[in-house]
Protein backbone atom coordinates (compact mmCIF):
# COMPACT_ATOMS: atom_id res chain seq x y z
CA MET A 1 193.73 54.11 27.83
CA GLU A 2 197.49 54.24 27.53
CA MET A 3 199.18 55.01 24.17
CA LEU A 4 201.67 52.53 22.92
CA GLN A 5 205.07 53.94 21.87
CA ILE A 6 208.16 52.00 20.82
CA LEU A 7 210.17 54.65 19.10
CA ALA A 8 210.53 57.83 21.02
CA PRO A 9 210.62 61.24 19.15
CA ASP A 10 214.42 61.36 19.61
CA GLY A 11 214.71 58.01 17.78
CA THR A 12 215.49 55.86 20.78
CA LEU A 13 213.75 52.60 21.55
CA THR A 14 211.36 52.40 24.53
CA GLY A 15 210.51 48.75 23.69
CA GLU A 16 211.58 45.90 21.47
CA ALA A 17 211.63 46.73 17.80
CA PRO A 18 209.15 44.51 15.81
CA LEU A 19 211.05 44.92 12.56
CA SER A 20 214.66 44.34 11.37
CA VAL A 21 216.77 47.30 10.46
CA ASP A 22 216.53 46.38 6.75
CA GLU A 23 212.77 46.36 6.91
CA VAL A 24 212.83 49.76 8.70
CA ARG A 25 215.05 51.16 5.91
CA ARG A 26 212.52 49.82 3.38
CA LEU A 27 209.65 51.48 5.14
CA PHE A 28 211.60 54.76 5.68
CA ARG A 29 212.04 54.86 1.94
CA ALA A 30 208.30 54.47 1.49
CA MET A 31 207.68 57.30 3.83
CA VAL A 32 210.09 59.43 1.94
CA ALA A 33 208.22 58.50 -1.32
CA GLY A 34 204.91 59.43 0.31
CA ARG A 35 206.22 62.91 1.20
CA ALA A 36 207.64 63.45 -2.31
CA TYR A 37 204.23 62.79 -3.79
CA ASP A 38 202.51 64.88 -1.13
CA HIS A 39 204.74 67.90 -1.81
CA LYS A 40 204.36 67.50 -5.64
CA ALA A 41 200.60 67.20 -5.48
CA THR A 42 200.33 70.34 -3.24
CA ALA A 43 202.49 72.31 -5.73
CA MET A 44 200.45 71.01 -8.72
CA GLN A 45 197.19 72.14 -7.08
CA LYS A 46 198.59 75.60 -6.51
CA GLN A 47 199.58 75.72 -10.14
CA GLY A 48 196.00 74.79 -11.24
CA ARG A 49 196.97 71.35 -12.39
CA LEU A 50 194.99 69.41 -9.75
CA ALA A 51 191.68 69.86 -8.05
CA THR A 52 191.55 70.56 -4.33
CA TYR A 53 194.20 68.43 -2.62
CA ALA A 54 194.33 67.14 1.00
CA SER A 55 197.89 66.90 2.28
CA PHE A 56 199.01 64.05 4.68
CA GLU A 57 202.38 65.39 5.69
CA GLY A 58 203.17 64.20 9.18
CA GLN A 59 201.00 61.16 8.81
CA GLU A 60 203.37 58.94 6.85
CA ALA A 61 204.23 56.59 9.75
CA ALA A 62 200.50 56.06 10.57
CA GLN A 63 199.91 54.99 6.94
CA ILE A 64 203.09 53.11 6.03
CA GLY A 65 203.46 51.42 9.41
CA SER A 66 199.93 50.02 9.27
CA VAL A 67 199.66 49.05 5.63
CA ALA A 68 202.98 47.25 5.84
CA ALA A 69 201.32 44.67 8.04
CA LEU A 70 199.11 43.51 5.07
CA GLU A 71 199.72 40.88 2.46
CA GLU A 72 198.96 41.26 -1.20
CA ARG A 73 195.64 39.51 -1.00
CA ASP A 74 194.30 41.94 1.67
CA TRP A 75 192.26 44.95 0.92
CA VAL A 76 192.92 48.78 1.59
CA VAL A 77 190.02 51.02 1.62
CA GLY A 78 191.12 54.64 2.23
CA THR A 79 190.12 58.32 1.89
CA TYR A 80 191.41 61.34 0.00
CA ARG A 81 194.15 61.74 2.57
CA ASP A 82 195.57 58.09 2.44
CA ALA A 83 197.67 58.19 -0.77
CA ALA A 84 200.82 56.75 0.94
CA ALA A 85 198.99 53.67 2.20
CA MET A 86 197.22 53.12 -1.10
CA TRP A 87 200.36 53.44 -3.15
CA PHE A 88 202.41 51.08 -0.91
CA HIS A 89 199.67 48.39 -1.44
CA GLY A 90 200.00 48.75 -5.18
CA TYR A 91 197.80 51.69 -6.27
CA PRO A 92 200.00 53.65 -8.70
CA TRP A 93 200.86 57.28 -8.33
CA VAL A 94 199.51 57.96 -11.77
CA ASN A 95 196.06 56.71 -10.78
CA LEU A 96 196.13 58.96 -7.70
CA ILE A 97 197.12 61.95 -9.80
CA LEU A 98 194.43 61.23 -12.46
CA GLY A 99 191.79 60.99 -9.78
CA ARG A 100 192.61 64.50 -8.49
CA THR A 101 192.30 65.87 -12.08
CA GLY A 102 188.85 64.45 -12.31
CA ASP A 103 189.79 61.72 -14.84
CA GLU A 104 187.78 58.66 -13.87
CA ARG A 105 190.48 56.36 -15.25
CA GLY A 106 192.36 57.07 -12.05
CA GLY A 107 189.78 54.93 -10.19
CA HIS A 108 190.62 51.77 -12.15
CA ALA A 109 193.19 49.88 -10.04
CA PRO A 110 195.49 47.53 -11.96
CA ASP A 111 194.47 43.87 -11.97
CA GLY A 112 195.46 42.13 -8.72
CA VAL A 113 195.69 45.33 -6.74
CA ASN A 114 193.19 45.14 -3.88
CA VAL A 115 192.80 48.89 -3.27
CA MET A 116 189.57 50.77 -3.57
CA PRO A 117 189.64 54.29 -5.13
CA PRO A 118 190.00 57.03 -2.59
CA SER A 119 186.72 57.94 -0.89
CA ILE A 120 185.69 61.54 -0.78
CA THR A 121 182.45 60.93 1.18
CA VAL A 122 183.48 60.96 4.79
CA GLY A 123 182.85 57.63 6.50
CA ALA A 124 180.87 55.79 3.81
CA HIS A 125 183.88 53.74 2.73
CA MET A 126 184.09 51.99 6.10
CA ILE A 127 180.92 50.09 5.28
CA HIS A 128 182.59 48.98 2.03
CA ALA A 129 185.58 47.68 3.90
CA VAL A 130 183.38 45.64 6.21
CA GLY A 131 181.52 44.21 3.15
CA LEU A 132 184.80 43.27 1.44
CA GLY A 133 186.09 41.48 4.54
CA TRP A 134 182.83 39.70 5.03
CA SER A 135 182.62 38.56 1.43
CA GLU A 136 186.22 37.23 1.64
CA ARG A 137 185.25 35.18 4.66
CA LEU A 138 182.10 33.85 2.98
CA LEU A 139 184.34 32.79 0.01
CA GLY A 140 186.60 30.86 2.38
CA SER A 141 189.48 33.32 2.04
CA ASP A 142 191.47 34.67 5.05
CA ALA A 143 192.07 38.00 3.41
CA VAL A 144 191.65 41.07 5.63
CA ALA A 145 190.31 44.54 4.88
CA MET A 146 192.02 47.58 6.37
CA THR A 147 190.21 50.95 6.29
CA TYR A 148 191.47 54.39 7.04
CA PHE A 149 189.53 57.40 8.35
CA GLY A 150 189.91 60.53 10.41
CA ASP A 151 188.50 61.51 13.82
CA GLY A 152 185.74 63.49 12.23
CA ALA A 153 184.40 60.38 10.56
CA THR A 154 183.61 58.87 13.93
CA SER A 155 180.71 61.26 14.16
CA GLU A 156 179.07 59.85 11.04
CA GLY A 157 176.32 57.26 11.20
CA ASP A 158 178.41 55.17 8.75
CA PHE A 159 181.01 54.69 11.45
CA HIS A 160 178.49 53.21 13.79
CA GLU A 161 176.96 50.94 11.03
CA ALA A 162 180.34 49.70 9.99
CA MET A 163 181.67 49.13 13.51
CA ASN A 164 178.40 47.49 14.70
CA PHE A 165 178.14 45.06 11.72
CA ALA A 166 181.81 44.14 12.01
CA GLY A 167 181.41 43.49 15.67
CA VAL A 168 178.26 41.40 15.33
CA TYR A 169 179.55 39.32 12.35
CA ARG A 170 183.20 39.27 13.47
CA THR A 171 184.33 40.43 10.08
CA PRO A 172 188.07 40.55 9.27
CA THR A 173 188.32 44.34 9.34
CA VAL A 174 191.00 46.57 10.73
CA PHE A 175 189.68 50.08 11.41
CA VAL A 176 192.57 52.66 11.38
CA CYS A 177 191.51 56.08 12.73
CA GLN A 178 194.20 58.60 12.06
CA ASN A 179 193.27 61.02 14.76
CA ASN A 180 195.12 64.06 13.42
CA GLY A 181 193.57 66.52 15.88
CA TRP A 182 191.24 68.37 13.41
CA ALA A 183 188.26 67.67 11.22
CA ILE A 184 188.64 70.79 9.16
CA SER A 185 188.25 73.44 11.90
CA MET A 186 186.71 71.14 14.43
CA PRO A 187 189.15 69.90 17.19
CA THR A 188 188.91 66.39 18.52
CA SER A 189 187.85 67.80 21.87
CA ARG A 190 184.62 68.98 20.33
CA GLN A 191 184.23 66.04 18.07
CA THR A 192 183.53 63.59 20.80
CA ALA A 193 183.07 63.46 24.66
CA SER A 194 184.94 60.23 24.72
CA GLU A 195 188.36 60.55 26.37
CA THR A 196 189.77 58.47 23.44
CA ILE A 197 188.55 57.21 20.04
CA ALA A 198 189.99 53.82 20.80
CA GLN A 199 187.58 53.27 23.71
CA LYS A 200 184.59 53.45 21.37
CA ALA A 201 185.52 49.87 20.34
CA ILE A 202 184.24 48.56 23.69
CA ALA A 203 180.65 49.30 22.71
CA TYR A 204 181.04 47.23 19.58
CA GLY A 205 182.56 44.20 21.16
CA MET A 206 186.00 44.54 19.69
CA PRO A 207 189.47 45.51 20.90
CA GLY A 208 190.53 49.10 20.73
CA VAL A 209 194.18 50.26 20.93
CA ARG A 210 195.70 53.65 21.18
CA VAL A 211 199.03 54.16 19.53
CA ASP A 212 201.52 56.91 18.79
CA GLY A 213 200.77 57.50 15.13
CA ASN A 214 204.06 59.15 14.44
CA ASP A 215 205.85 56.03 15.66
CA LEU A 216 206.51 53.69 12.59
CA LEU A 217 207.33 50.72 14.79
CA ALA A 218 204.41 50.96 17.13
CA MET A 219 202.04 51.42 14.16
CA TYR A 220 203.42 48.35 12.61
CA GLN A 221 203.17 46.24 15.73
CA VAL A 222 199.57 47.05 16.59
CA SER A 223 198.52 46.65 12.94
CA ARG A 224 200.33 43.28 12.61
CA ASP A 225 198.52 42.03 15.74
CA ALA A 226 195.17 43.25 14.53
CA VAL A 227 195.61 41.67 11.12
CA ALA A 228 196.69 38.43 12.71
CA ARG A 229 193.46 38.46 14.85
CA ALA A 230 191.36 39.18 11.80
CA ARG A 231 192.99 36.50 9.74
CA ALA A 232 192.44 33.97 12.47
CA GLY A 233 188.74 34.56 12.57
CA GLU A 234 188.79 36.53 15.82
CA GLY A 235 187.08 39.58 14.34
CA PRO A 236 187.80 43.39 13.92
CA THR A 237 190.05 45.88 15.82
CA LEU A 238 189.91 49.56 16.10
CA ILE A 239 193.26 51.33 16.12
CA GLU A 240 193.45 55.00 17.16
CA ALA A 241 196.68 56.54 15.66
CA VAL A 242 197.35 59.73 17.48
CA THR A 243 199.07 61.98 14.90
CA TYR A 244 198.72 65.45 13.54
CA ARG A 245 197.78 67.27 10.33
CA VAL A 246 200.67 69.71 10.15
CA GLY A 247 199.31 71.37 6.94
CA PRO A 248 195.85 72.67 6.08
CA HIS A 249 192.83 70.43 5.81
CA THR A 250 193.01 70.91 2.01
CA THR A 251 194.58 73.42 -0.25
CA THR A 252 191.40 75.62 0.06
CA ASP A 253 191.79 75.79 3.89
CA ASP A 254 193.63 78.38 6.06
CA PRO A 255 194.38 76.63 9.47
CA ASP A 256 195.78 79.88 10.84
CA ARG A 257 192.13 81.10 11.23
CA TYR A 258 191.34 78.46 13.89
CA ARG A 259 194.55 76.77 14.99
CA ASP A 260 197.47 78.05 17.10
CA GLY A 261 200.60 78.16 14.89
CA GLU A 262 202.73 77.06 17.86
CA GLU A 263 200.76 73.81 18.08
CA ALA A 264 201.69 72.87 14.60
CA ALA A 265 205.32 73.91 15.10
CA GLU A 266 205.48 71.64 18.20
CA TRP A 267 204.11 68.67 16.22
CA ARG A 268 206.59 69.32 13.42
CA SER A 269 209.33 68.50 16.02
CA ARG A 270 207.80 65.05 16.21
CA ASP A 271 208.15 64.48 12.53
CA PRO A 272 207.84 60.75 11.80
CA ILE A 273 210.51 60.68 9.12
CA ALA A 274 212.98 62.50 11.31
CA ARG A 275 212.24 60.01 14.14
CA VAL A 276 213.12 57.00 11.99
CA ARG A 277 216.13 58.73 10.49
CA ALA A 278 217.51 59.23 14.03
CA TYR A 279 216.92 55.59 14.83
CA LEU A 280 218.68 54.37 11.68
CA GLN A 281 221.53 56.76 12.08
CA ALA A 282 222.19 55.56 15.63
CA ASP A 283 222.40 51.97 14.23
CA GLY A 284 224.76 53.01 11.46
CA ALA A 285 222.12 52.25 8.88
CA TRP A 286 221.60 55.79 7.56
CA ASP A 287 223.72 58.41 5.95
CA ALA A 288 222.99 61.69 4.15
CA GLU A 289 224.05 60.38 0.73
CA TRP A 290 221.72 57.35 1.00
CA GLU A 291 218.75 59.52 1.84
CA ALA A 292 219.59 62.08 -0.86
CA ASP A 293 219.65 59.22 -3.32
CA ILE A 294 216.29 57.72 -2.33
CA GLU A 295 214.79 61.15 -2.20
CA GLN A 296 215.88 61.79 -5.83
CA THR A 297 214.75 58.42 -6.97
CA GLU A 298 211.33 58.69 -5.38
CA HIS A 299 210.93 62.26 -6.61
CA ASP A 300 211.71 61.15 -10.16
CA ALA A 301 209.15 58.27 -9.91
CA VAL A 302 206.52 60.82 -8.94
CA GLU A 303 207.51 63.12 -11.85
CA ARG A 304 207.23 60.20 -14.24
CA ALA A 305 203.74 59.45 -12.99
CA VAL A 306 202.76 63.11 -13.48
CA ASP A 307 204.13 63.07 -17.02
CA GLU A 308 202.19 59.91 -17.76
CA ALA A 309 198.93 61.33 -16.39
CA GLU A 310 199.20 64.59 -18.19
CA ALA A 311 200.11 62.88 -21.46
CA LEU A 312 196.85 60.95 -21.60
CA GLU A 313 194.39 62.04 -24.17
CA PRO A 314 191.28 63.47 -22.47
CA PHE A 315 188.04 61.69 -22.83
CA GLY A 316 185.88 62.99 -25.72
CA ALA A 317 182.33 64.37 -25.19
CA GLY A 318 180.64 61.03 -25.61
CA GLU A 319 183.20 58.60 -24.08
CA ILE A 320 182.18 59.12 -20.52
CA PHE A 321 178.80 57.59 -21.25
CA ASP A 322 180.40 54.52 -22.83
CA ALA A 323 182.29 53.86 -19.65
CA MET A 324 179.23 53.63 -17.39
CA TYR A 325 178.00 50.15 -18.19
CA ALA A 326 179.10 47.17 -20.27
CA GLU A 327 175.96 47.79 -22.40
CA PRO A 328 174.73 51.38 -22.31
CA THR A 329 171.14 51.98 -21.45
CA PRO A 330 168.71 53.74 -23.89
CA GLN A 331 168.86 56.80 -21.68
CA LEU A 332 172.66 56.95 -21.72
CA ILE A 333 172.67 56.53 -25.46
CA GLU A 334 170.23 59.45 -25.78
CA GLN A 335 172.40 61.58 -23.55
CA ARG A 336 175.58 60.62 -25.30
CA ASP A 337 174.10 61.42 -28.77
CA LYS A 338 172.94 64.88 -27.56
CA SER A 339 176.36 65.66 -26.07
CA ILE A 340 178.10 65.00 -29.36
CA GLY A 341 175.40 66.75 -31.47
CA ARG A 342 173.71 63.74 -33.06
């Protein structure tokens, strides 16, 4: 299966651009914002201010290019590594930060933001995405659900259940597999005997497409087409975005124990942000001052979100029980009373 590429690593076009230069500038800024958050969250975890964190550096094009194809009424169902996509669709940085501190208030998306909280359980959220899309169709809506997962999740039973149900019922679901080469220490070559992830779609009766996940333009094009199919009632699509996890699996991982450092260095030369920068620069739509300005602006936005999250008063001993149900059960009331010494 051929891999679609529109923007080569050196920033030159190999096909027709599906976006205007102004739109590319907007998405470039979003990629810069995602990296600002990623670097800040990584630093905070090392300072003991966040729980274990999963970096997505190098995967910004896969996330921003795909989620940009959605409309506000559509759904995003992602994982612990999909902060950029979630944020671009309206999930605030402060919520993502709160979630990584263990504060459940981070899981409450603002009204009108159709983004589910990040899933920690590998693969289970794909089933939720299928259900969301199916329910929208039953309600007469043409909203689409886009779900993100890694190559490792394709080995889970939940992947089969989600793909099979979506195929049978032709749900408006776009499956985006960010094949970043590694599921912790397990390489894709040992994850599956299939030559590609995308070809797995054939067994479920849906289209599968393989795309350069570090190519913002190609990611947007295949996602736009998949969303259009879903919205038109033509069913789901599986997108395999071939990318790379340049950092560790999480901040508790040491990739040097199982991965060749030269491999990561080679992939860093395919950096998705540098690729778009080169494209814009060649078009006269980029300069160092502009990028420095947006870097500072997006860095400041992340810092404000951190300040907001850390300024929140922590839950008291009994409050966690009050947030479980609209009306607490007798068992919860008993547990709450014991926790506060009543």
